[in-house]
C-alpha atoms as a PDB file:
ATOM      1  CA  MET A   1     -25.143-146.652-103.050  1.00  0.00           C
ATOM      2  CA  LEU A   2     -24.858-148.200 -99.629  1.00  0.00           C
ATOM      3  CA  THR A   3     -27.695-150.012 -97.882  1.00  0.00           C
ATOM      4  CA  TYR A   4     -28.831-148.496 -94.600  1.00  0.00           C
ATOM      5  CA  PRO A   5     -28.756-151.245 -91.943  1.00  0.00           C
ATOM      6  CA  GLU A   6     -32.130-150.278 -90.376  1.00  0.00           C
ATOM      7  CA  ILE A   7     -30.969-150.600 -86.777  1.00  0.00           C
ATOM      8  CA  ASP A   8     -33.693-150.816 -84.144  1.00  0.00           C
ATOM      9  CA  PRO A   9     -33.278-147.625 -82.058  1.00  0.00           C
ATOM     10  CA  VAL A  10     -34.359-149.562 -78.947  1.00  0.00           C
ATOM     11  CA  ILE A  11     -31.663-151.866 -77.576  1.00  0.00           C
ATOM     12  CA  PHE A  12     -34.037-153.604 -75.186  1.00  0.00           C
ATOM     13  CA  SER A  13     -37.110-152.802 -73.150  1.00  0.00           C
ATOM     14  CA  ILE A  14     -38.476-153.964 -69.809  1.00  0.00           C
ATOM     15  CA  GLY A  15     -42.129-153.053 -69.534  1.00  0.00           C
ATOM     16  CA  PRO A  16     -42.477-149.309 -70.144  1.00  0.00           C
ATOM     17  CA  LEU A  17     -38.713-148.800 -69.767  1.00  0.00           C
ATOM     18  CA  ALA A  18     -36.840-148.700 -73.084  1.00  0.00           C
ATOM     19  CA  VAL A  19     -33.080-148.403 -73.398  1.00  0.00           C
ATOM     20  CA  ARG A  20     -32.217-146.655 -76.656  1.00  0.00           C
ATOM     21  CA  TRP A  21     -29.028-146.446 -78.674  1.00  0.00           C
ATOM     22  CA  TYR A  22     -29.275-142.650 -78.728  1.00  0.00           C
ATOM     23  CA  GLY A  23     -29.243-142.497 -74.946  1.00  0.00           C
ATOM     24  CA  LEU A  24     -26.378-144.981 -74.804  1.00  0.00           C
ATOM     25  CA  MET A  25     -24.361-142.737 -77.132  1.00  0.00           C
ATOM     26  CA  TYR A  26     -24.744-139.884 -74.651  1.00  0.00           C
ATOM     27  CA  VAL A  27     -23.574-142.169 -71.847  1.00  0.00           C
ATOM     28  CA  LEU A  28     -20.525-143.216 -73.880  1.00  0.00           C
ATOM     29  CA  GLY A  29     -19.745-139.560 -74.576  1.00  0.00           C
ATOM     30  CA  PHE A  30     -19.836-138.685 -70.879  1.00  0.00           C
ATOM     31  CA  VAL A  31     -17.764-141.743 -69.932  1.00  0.00           C
ATOM     32  CA  GLY A  32     -15.163-140.869 -72.562  1.00  0.00           C
ATOM     33  CA  ALA A  33     -15.030-137.275 -71.301  1.00  0.00           C
ATOM     34  CA  TRP A  34     -14.647-138.514 -67.718  1.00  0.00           C
ATOM     35  CA  LEU A  35     -11.740-140.789 -68.647  1.00  0.00           C
ATOM     36  CA  LEU A  36      -9.922-138.028 -70.518  1.00  0.00           C
ATOM     37  CA  ALA A  37     -10.613-135.536 -67.742  1.00  0.00           C
ATOM     38  CA  ARG A  38      -9.019-137.948 -65.264  1.00  0.00           C
ATOM     39  CA  LYS A  39      -5.971-138.178 -67.516  1.00  0.00           C
ATOM     40  CA  ARG A  40      -5.660-134.416 -68.008  1.00  0.00           C
ATOM     41  CA  SER A  41      -6.221-133.708 -64.315  1.00  0.00           C
ATOM     42  CA  GLN A  42      -3.021-135.606 -63.489  1.00  0.00           C
ATOM     43  CA  GLN A  43      -0.895-133.096 -65.400  1.00  0.00           C
ATOM     44  CA  SER A  44       1.083-130.631 -63.291  1.00  0.00           C
ATOM     45  CA  TRP A  45      -0.481-127.642 -65.052  1.00  0.00           C
ATOM     46  CA  SER A  46      -4.086-128.791 -64.609  1.00  0.00           C
ATOM     47  CA  ILE A  47      -6.390-126.494 -62.617  1.00  0.00           C
ATOM     48  CA  VAL A  48      -8.720-129.469 -62.023  1.00  0.00           C
ATOM     49  CA  LYS A  49      -7.488-132.126 -59.609  1.00  0.00           C
ATOM     50  CA  PRO A  50      -8.413-135.818 -59.982  1.00  0.00           C
ATOM     51  CA  GLU A  51     -10.767-135.685 -56.991  1.00  0.00           C
ATOM     52  CA  GLN A  52     -12.678-132.796 -58.635  1.00  0.00           C
ATOM     53  CA  VAL A  53     -13.338-134.524 -61.962  1.00  0.00           C
ATOM     54  CA  ASP A  54     -16.569-136.240 -60.898  1.00  0.00           C
ATOM     55  CA  ASP A  55     -18.160-132.911 -59.960  1.00  0.00           C
ATOM     56  CA  LEU A  56     -16.923-131.366 -63.191  1.00  0.00           C
ATOM     57  CA  ILE A  57     -18.588-134.062 -65.299  1.00  0.00           C
ATOM     58  CA  PHE A  58     -21.787-133.760 -63.257  1.00  0.00           C
ATOM     59  CA  TYR A  59     -21.952-130.021 -63.903  1.00  0.00           C
ATOM     60  CA  GLY A  60     -21.257-130.665 -67.578  1.00  0.00           C
ATOM     61  CA  MET A  61     -24.003-133.300 -67.822  1.00  0.00           C
ATOM     62  CA  LEU A  62     -26.564-130.925 -66.347  1.00  0.00           C
ATOM     63  CA  GLY A  63     -25.496-128.203 -68.757  1.00  0.00           C
ATOM     64  CA  VAL A  64     -25.699-130.484 -71.808  1.00  0.00           C
ATOM     65  CA  ILE A  65     -29.064-132.027 -70.942  1.00  0.00           C
ATOM     66  CA  LEU A  66     -30.885-128.923 -69.688  1.00  0.00           C
ATOM     67  CA  GLY A  67     -29.314-126.534 -72.182  1.00  0.00           C
ATOM     68  CA  GLY A  68     -29.666-128.958 -75.095  1.00  0.00           C
ATOM     69  CA  ARG A  69     -33.348-129.566 -74.504  1.00  0.00           C
ATOM     70  CA  LEU A  70     -34.234-125.956 -73.692  1.00  0.00           C
ATOM     71  CA  GLY A  71     -32.223-124.837 -76.705  1.00  0.00           C
ATOM     72  CA  TYR A  72     -34.081-127.206 -79.017  1.00  0.00           C
ATOM     73  CA  ALA A  73     -37.440-126.019 -77.691  1.00  0.00           C
ATOM     74  CA  PHE A  74     -36.407-122.370 -78.068  1.00  0.00           C
ATOM     75  CA  PHE A  75     -34.540-122.462 -81.401  1.00  0.00           C
ATOM     76  CA  TYR A  76     -36.502-125.146 -83.242  1.00  0.00           C
ATOM     77  CA  GLY A  77     -39.787-125.746 -81.373  1.00  0.00           C
ATOM     78  CA  TRP A  78     -40.828-122.301 -80.224  1.00  0.00           C
ATOM     79  CA  GLU A  79     -44.327-122.559 -81.684  1.00  0.00           C
ATOM     80  CA  TYR A  80     -44.896-125.961 -80.053  1.00  0.00           C
ATOM     81  CA  TRP A  81     -43.636-124.584 -76.736  1.00  0.00           C
ATOM     82  CA  LEU A  82     -46.086-121.675 -76.907  1.00  0.00           C
ATOM     83  CA  GLN A  83     -48.950-124.077 -77.553  1.00  0.00           C
ATOM     84  CA  ASP A  84     -47.868-126.523 -74.859  1.00  0.00           C
ATOM     85  CA  PRO A  85     -45.725-125.266 -71.922  1.00  0.00           C
ATOM     86  CA  LEU A  86     -44.853-128.897 -71.115  1.00  0.00           C
ATOM     87  CA  TYR A  87     -43.388-129.476 -74.594  1.00  0.00           C
ATOM     88  CA  VAL A  88     -39.855-129.075 -73.265  1.00  0.00           C
ATOM     89  CA  PHE A  89     -40.343-132.176 -71.095  1.00  0.00           C
ATOM     90  CA  LYS A  90     -41.649-134.329 -73.970  1.00  0.00           C
ATOM     91  CA  ILE A  91     -38.272-135.668 -75.021  1.00  0.00           C
ATOM     92  CA  THR A  92     -39.809-138.056 -77.555  1.00  0.00           C
ATOM     93  CA  GLN A  93     -40.988-134.998 -79.529  1.00  0.00           C
ATOM     94  CA  GLY A  94     -37.947-133.313 -80.998  1.00  0.00           C
ATOM     95  CA  GLY A  95     -34.438-133.716 -79.699  1.00  0.00           C
ATOM     96  CA  MET A  96     -31.440-131.783 -78.431  1.00  0.00           C
ATOM     97  CA  SER A  97     -29.769-128.657 -79.760  1.00  0.00           C
ATOM     98  CA  PHE A  98     -25.982-128.470 -79.811  1.00  0.00           C
ATOM     99  CA  HIS A  99     -26.044-124.684 -79.555  1.00  0.00           C
ATOM    100  CA  GLY A 100     -28.395-124.837 -76.577  1.00  0.00           C
ATOM    101  CA  GLY A 101     -26.203-127.496 -75.001  1.00  0.00           C
ATOM    102  CA  LEU A 102     -23.139-125.298 -75.548  1.00  0.00           C
ATOM    103  CA  ILE A 103     -24.783-122.385 -73.752  1.00  0.00           C
ATOM    104  CA  GLY A 104     -25.876-124.726 -70.966  1.00  0.00           C
ATOM    105  CA  VAL A 105     -22.356-126.118 -70.559  1.00  0.00           C
ATOM    106  CA  MET A 106     -20.815-122.646 -70.495  1.00  0.00           C
ATOM    107  CA  VAL A 107     -23.176-121.574 -67.720  1.00  0.00           C
ATOM    108  CA  ALA A 108     -22.537-124.822 -65.812  1.00  0.00           C
ATOM    109  CA  LEU A 109     -18.753-124.499 -66.141  1.00  0.00           C
ATOM    110  CA  TRP A 110     -18.891-120.869 -65.083  1.00  0.00           C
ATOM    111  CA  LEU A 111     -20.716-121.958 -61.918  1.00  0.00           C
ATOM    112  CA  TYR A 112     -18.248-124.806 -61.408  1.00  0.00           C
ATOM    113  CA  GLY A 113     -15.246-122.533 -61.814  1.00  0.00           C
ATOM    114  CA  ARG A 114     -16.682-119.939 -59.452  1.00  0.00           C
ATOM    115  CA  ARG A 115     -17.940-122.283 -56.719  1.00  0.00           C
ATOM    116  CA  VAL A 116     -15.432-125.138 -56.820  1.00  0.00           C
ATOM    117  CA  LEU A 117     -12.189-123.759 -58.262  1.00  0.00           C
ATOM    118  CA  GLY A 118     -12.485-120.048 -57.591  1.00  0.00           C
ATOM    119  CA  THR A 119     -11.583-119.284 -61.216  1.00  0.00           C
ATOM    120  CA  GLY A 120     -13.261-117.798 -64.272  1.00  0.00           C
ATOM    121  CA  MET A 121     -15.132-119.635 -67.009  1.00  0.00           C
ATOM    122  CA  PHE A 122     -12.353-119.758 -69.605  1.00  0.00           C
ATOM    123  CA  GLU A 123      -9.933-121.529 -67.273  1.00  0.00           C
ATOM    124  CA  VAL A 124     -12.451-124.356 -67.064  1.00  0.00           C
ATOM    125  CA  THR A 125     -13.470-124.350 -70.739  1.00  0.00           C
ATOM    126  CA  ASP A 126      -9.806-124.510 -71.764  1.00  0.00           C
ATOM    127  CA  PHE A 127      -9.555-127.706 -69.711  1.00  0.00           C
ATOM    128  CA  VAL A 128     -12.826-129.200 -70.958  1.00  0.00           C
ATOM    129  CA  ALA A 129     -12.775-128.271 -74.675  1.00  0.00           C
ATOM    130  CA  PRO A 130     -10.665-131.241 -75.906  1.00  0.00           C
ATOM    131  CA  MET A 131     -13.143-133.687 -74.353  1.00  0.00           C
ATOM    132  CA  VAL A 132     -16.295-132.262 -75.939  1.00  0.00           C
ATOM    133  CA  PRO A 133     -15.790-133.784 -79.435  1.00  0.00           C
ATOM    134  CA  ILE A 134     -16.150-137.282 -77.956  1.00  0.00           C
ATOM    135  CA  GLY A 135     -19.773-136.602 -77.071  1.00  0.00           C
ATOM    136  CA  LEU A 136     -20.353-134.787 -80.362  1.00  0.00           C
ATOM    137  CA  GLY A 137     -19.132-137.818 -82.287  1.00  0.00           C
ATOM    138  CA  THR A 138     -21.121-140.407 -80.319  1.00  0.00           C
ATOM    139  CA  GLY A 139     -24.226-138.232 -80.476  1.00  0.00           C
ATOM    140  CA  ARG A 140     -24.090-138.079 -84.280  1.00  0.00           C
ATOM    141  CA  ILE A 141     -23.659-141.835 -84.431  1.00  0.00           C
ATOM    142  CA  GLY A 142     -26.845-141.982 -82.373  1.00  0.00           C
ATOM    143  CA  ASN A 143     -28.562-139.824 -85.005  1.00  0.00           C
ATOM    144  CA  PHE A 144     -27.392-142.256 -87.691  1.00  0.00           C
ATOM    145  CA  ILE A 145     -28.765-145.236 -85.761  1.00  0.00           C
ATOM    146  CA  ASN A 146     -32.083-143.398 -85.376  1.00  0.00           C
ATOM    147  CA  GLY A 147     -32.158-142.787 -89.141  1.00  0.00           C
ATOM    148  CA  GLU A 148     -32.542-139.009 -88.715  1.00  0.00           C
ATOM    149  CA  LEU A 149     -30.841-135.822 -89.916  1.00  0.00           C
ATOM    150  CA  TRP A 150     -30.045-137.179 -93.373  1.00  0.00           C
ATOM    151  CA  GLY A 151     -28.364-134.986 -95.938  1.00  0.00           C
ATOM    152  CA  LYS A 152     -29.413-133.984 -99.431  1.00  0.00           C
ATOM    153  CA  PRO A 153     -29.739-136.341-102.394  1.00  0.00           C
ATOM    154  CA  THR A 154     -26.447-137.322-104.023  1.00  0.00           C
ATOM    155  CA  ASP A 155     -25.033-139.921-106.394  1.00  0.00           C
ATOM    156  CA  LEU A 156     -21.739-140.273-104.534  1.00  0.00           C
ATOM    157  CA  PRO A 157     -20.685-143.899-103.967  1.00  0.00           C
ATOM    158  CA  TRP A 158     -20.986-143.590-100.165  1.00  0.00           C
ATOM    159  CA  ALA A 159     -24.572-142.300-100.315  1.00  0.00           C
ATOM    160  CA  PHE A 160     -27.141-144.366 -98.401  1.00  0.00           C
ATOM    161  CA  ASN A 161     -30.224-145.688-100.146  1.00  0.00           C
ATOM    162  CA  ILE A 162     -33.190-144.259 -98.229  1.00  0.00           C
ATOM    163  CA  ASN A 163     -36.538-145.085 -99.832  1.00  0.00           C
ATOM    164  CA  GLY A 164     -34.873-145.438-103.219  1.00  0.00           C
ATOM    165  CA  VAL A 165     -32.968-142.134-103.023  1.00  0.00           C
ATOM    166  CA  GLY A 166     -29.247-141.763-102.347  1.00  0.00           C
ATOM    167  CA  LEU A 167     -28.670-139.353 -99.458  1.00  0.00           C
ATOM    168  CA  HIS A 168     -25.583-137.813 -97.908  1.00  0.00           C
ATOM    169  CA  PRO A 169     -24.883-139.464 -94.508  1.00  0.00           C
ATOM    170  CA  SER A 170     -24.471-136.035 -92.938  1.00  0.00           C
ATOM    171  CA  GLN A 171     -24.631-137.555 -89.438  1.00  0.00           C
ATOM    172  CA  LEU A 172     -21.479-139.551 -90.211  1.00  0.00           C
ATOM    173  CA  TYR A 173     -19.810-136.477 -91.731  1.00  0.00           C
ATOM    174  CA  GLU A 174     -20.393-134.683 -88.448  1.00  0.00           C
ATOM    175  CA  ALA A 175     -19.208-137.664 -86.404  1.00  0.00           C
ATOM    176  CA  LEU A 176     -16.015-137.721 -88.486  1.00  0.00           C
ATOM    177  CA  PHE A 177     -15.247-134.004 -88.536  1.00  0.00           C
ATOM    178  CA  GLU A 178     -16.896-132.555 -85.402  1.00  0.00           C
ATOM    179  CA  GLY A 179     -16.062-135.714 -83.482  1.00  0.00           C
ATOM    180  CA  LEU A 180     -12.816-137.403 -84.528  1.00  0.00           C
ATOM    181  CA  ALA A 181     -11.073-134.609 -86.462  1.00  0.00           C
ATOM    182  CA  LEU A 182     -11.959-131.909 -83.925  1.00  0.00           C
ATOM    183  CA  PHE A 183     -10.806-134.149 -81.077  1.00  0.00           C
ATOM    184  CA  LEU A 184      -7.420-134.702 -82.729  1.00  0.00           C
ATOM    185  CA  ILE A 185      -6.984-130.989 -83.447  1.00  0.00           C
ATOM    186  CA  LEU A 186      -7.772-129.956 -79.879  1.00  0.00           C
ATOM    187  CA  TRP A 187      -5.881-132.807 -78.242  1.00  0.00           C
ATOM    188  CA  ILE A 188      -2.719-131.999 -80.194  1.00  0.00           C
ATOM    189  CA  PHE A 189      -3.186-128.228 -79.765  1.00  0.00           C
ATOM    190  CA  SER A 190      -3.615-128.588 -75.999  1.00  0.00           C
ATOM    191  CA  ALA A 191      -0.680-130.981 -75.588  1.00  0.00           C
ATOM    192  CA  ARG A 192       1.501-127.979 -74.765  1.00  0.00           C
ATOM    193  CA  GLN A 193       0.648-124.988 -72.633  1.00  0.00           C
ATOM    194  CA  ARG A 194      -1.311-122.357 -74.553  1.00  0.00           C
ATOM    195  CA  PRO A 195      -2.332-118.782 -73.715  1.00  0.00           C
ATOM    196  CA  HIS A 196      -5.413-118.301 -71.555  1.00  0.00           C
ATOM    197  CA  MET A 197      -8.611-118.728 -73.687  1.00  0.00           C
ATOM    198  CA  ALA A 198      -6.733-120.078 -76.722  1.00  0.00           C
ATOM    199  CA  ILE A 199      -8.042-123.656 -76.497  1.00  0.00           C
ATOM    200  CA  SER A 200     -11.617-122.430 -76.029  1.00  0.00           C
ATOM    201  CA  GLY A 201     -11.231-120.149 -79.032  1.00  0.00           C
ATOM    202  CA  MET A 202      -9.805-122.955 -81.153  1.00  0.00           C
ATOM    203  CA  PHE A 203     -12.786-125.151 -80.282  1.00  0.00           C
ATOM    204  CA  LEU A 204     -15.342-122.499 -81.233  1.00  0.00           C
ATOM    205  CA  LEU A 205     -13.553-121.624 -84.471  1.00  0.00           C
ATOM    206  CA  CYS A 206     -12.963-125.191 -85.681  1.00  0.00           C
ATOM    207  CA  TYR A 207     -16.389-126.515 -84.727  1.00  0.00           C
ATOM    208  CA  GLY A 208     -18.054-123.472 -86.249  1.00  0.00           C
ATOM    209  CA  VAL A 209     -16.267-123.844 -89.590  1.00  0.00           C
ATOM    210  CA  MET A 210     -16.925-127.607 -89.749  1.00  0.00           C
ATOM    211  CA  ARG A 211     -20.618-127.316 -88.876  1.00  0.00           C
ATOM    212  CA  PHE A 212     -21.154-124.338 -91.198  1.00  0.00           C
ATOM    213  CA  CYS A 213     -19.699-126.284 -94.132  1.00  0.00           C
ATOM    214  CA  ILE A 214     -21.576-129.521 -93.426  1.00  0.00           C
ATOM    215  CA  GLU A 215     -24.846-127.561 -93.353  1.00  0.00           C
ATOM    216  CA  PHE A 216     -24.493-127.209 -97.144  1.00  0.00           C
ATOM    217  CA  VAL A 217     -25.242-130.930 -97.554  1.00  0.00           C
ATOM    218  CA  ARG A 218     -27.752-131.243 -94.698  1.00  0.00           C
ATOM    219  CA  VAL A 219     -31.459-130.921 -95.303  1.00  0.00           C
ATOM    220  CA  PRO A 220     -32.694-127.760 -93.553  1.00  0.00           C
ATOM    221  CA  ASP A 221     -35.123-128.081 -90.676  1.00  0.00           C
ATOM    222  CA  ALA A 222     -38.614-128.703 -91.999  1.00  0.00           C
ATOM    223  CA  ASP A 223     -40.155-125.947 -89.858  1.00  0.00           C
ATOM    224  CA  PHE A 224     -37.730-123.308 -91.159  1.00  0.00           C
ATOM    225  CA  GLY A 225     -36.409-124.340 -94.554  1.00  0.00           C
ATOM    226  CA  TYR A 226     -33.815-121.948 -95.942  1.00  0.00           C
ATOM    227  CA  LEU A 227     -33.803-118.627 -94.112  1.00  0.00           C
ATOM    228  CA  ALA A 228     -32.125-116.509 -96.812  1.00  0.00           C
ATOM    229  CA  LEU A 229     -30.463-116.581-100.236  1.00  0.00           C
ATOM    230  CA  GLY A 230     -31.805-120.051-100.943  1.00  0.00           C
ATOM    231  CA  TRP A 231     -29.095-121.759 -98.877  1.00  0.00           C
ATOM    232  CA  VAL A 232     -28.750-120.192 -95.391  1.00  0.00           C
ATOM    233  CA  THR A 233     -29.967-122.598 -92.693  1.00  0.00           C
ATOM    234  CA  MET A 234     -30.803-122.125 -89.025  1.00  0.00           C
ATOM    235  CA  GLY A 235     -27.716-124.169 -88.178  1.00  0.00           C
ATOM    236  CA  GLN A 236     -25.526-121.693 -90.083  1.00  0.00           C
ATOM    237  CA  VAL A 237     -27.195-118.703 -88.441  1.00  0.00           C
ATOM    238  CA  LEU A 238     -26.493-120.191 -85.014  1.00  0.00           C
ATOM    239  CA  THR A 239     -22.977-121.313 -85.959  1.00  0.00           C
ATOM    240  CA  ALA A 240     -21.669-118.139 -87.642  1.00  0.00           C
ATOM    241  CA  PRO A 241     -21.295-116.287 -84.292  1.00  0.00           C
ATOM    242  CA  MET A 242     -19.206-119.211 -83.017  1.00  0.00           C
ATOM    243  CA  ILE A 243     -16.721-118.675 -85.851  1.00  0.00           C
ATOM    244  CA  LEU A 244     -16.504-114.950 -85.141  1.00  0.00           C
ATOM    245  CA  PHE A 245     -16.214-115.376 -81.368  1.00  0.00           C
ATOM    246  CA  GLY A 246     -13.689-118.184 -81.759  1.00  0.00           C
ATOM    247  CA  ALA A 247     -11.460-116.101 -84.030  1.00  0.00           C
ATOM    248  CA  ALA A 248     -11.785-113.081 -81.726  1.00  0.00           C
ATOM    249  CA  ILE A 249     -10.963-115.121 -78.606  1.00  0.00           C
ATOM    250  CA  LEU A 250      -7.896-116.652 -80.287  1.00  0.00           C
ATOM    251  CA  PHE A 251      -6.703-113.207 -81.354  1.00  0.00           C
ATOM    252  CA  LEU A 252      -7.165-111.785 -77.855  1.00  0.00           C
ATOM    253  CA  ALA A 253      -5.516-114.803 -76.239  1.00  0.00           C
ATOM    254  CA  TYR A 254      -2.306-114.454 -78.234  1.00  0.00           C
ATOM    255  CA  ARG A 255      -2.299-110.650 -78.129  1.00  0.00           C
ATOM    256  CA  ASN A 256      -2.611-110.667 -74.339  1.00  0.00           C
ATOM    257  CA  ASP A 257       0.076-113.342 -74.130  1.00  0.00           C
ATOM    258  CA  ARG A 258       2.499-111.211 -76.170  1.00  0.00           C
ATOM    259  CA  THR A 259       1.666-108.174 -74.039  1.00  0.00           C
ATOM    260  CA  GLN A 260       2.414-110.069 -70.846  1.00  0.00           C
ATOM    261  CA  GLU A 261       5.715-111.328 -72.263  1.00  0.00           C
ATOM    262  CA  ALA A 262       6.695-107.799 -73.277  1.00  0.00           C
ATOM    263  CA  THR A 263       5.993-106.405 -69.792  1.00  0.00           C
ATOM    264  CA  ALA A 264       7.540-109.331 -67.899  1.00  0.00           C
END
């Protein structure tokens, strides 16, 4: 078994102000997305111009933060929210929900496409999708630093010794697959022009499959446990529609593309 390094989640503090590794990971994710967006915006086919990237990232940040927190309060902390309407603002109690953040980003990008570019949502999400895994990867590294979201007990050689028990480092699994692997898949897939909606569909499908599988080694949320069959988790319930929608969007993207070619 490996020894967990016990990293202090607070990098430094000045009076009541504390700078945390988890927050820094979000900043790194946004900076990485901004850099890649600048690079992609310089391509001749890009619908987003370099001077529009800053606004795009700003819209995305609002979507991630507001959607992620509201999603966590709704999906995982509903009872706490009913008891305390201000629970959603207490960021030290609970965290962020990816699925809520995804919904928030989709709404934000829809607004951005409509107000700034005069396009639909999928034109923008096709542009943004390859950048999202950067933030997913850094965010899971932040979870690892915080010592949270551990997996189930295991005797595998890369298990981490937590209070004398070997646990799956499920945060690092997610950083590897939903971060690095998903980034490489989408970056290579989007290197050539694809049908409208195809990149968005590929993101939903690949992330959904990866997250659904990793849930088998994650410990279910304490407030919910297993929802059905002794293994179905809330994460899988929320992720299954992503797989279905992703596959459907990919199918429609290529079917519409073939139809347009046939009528051209």
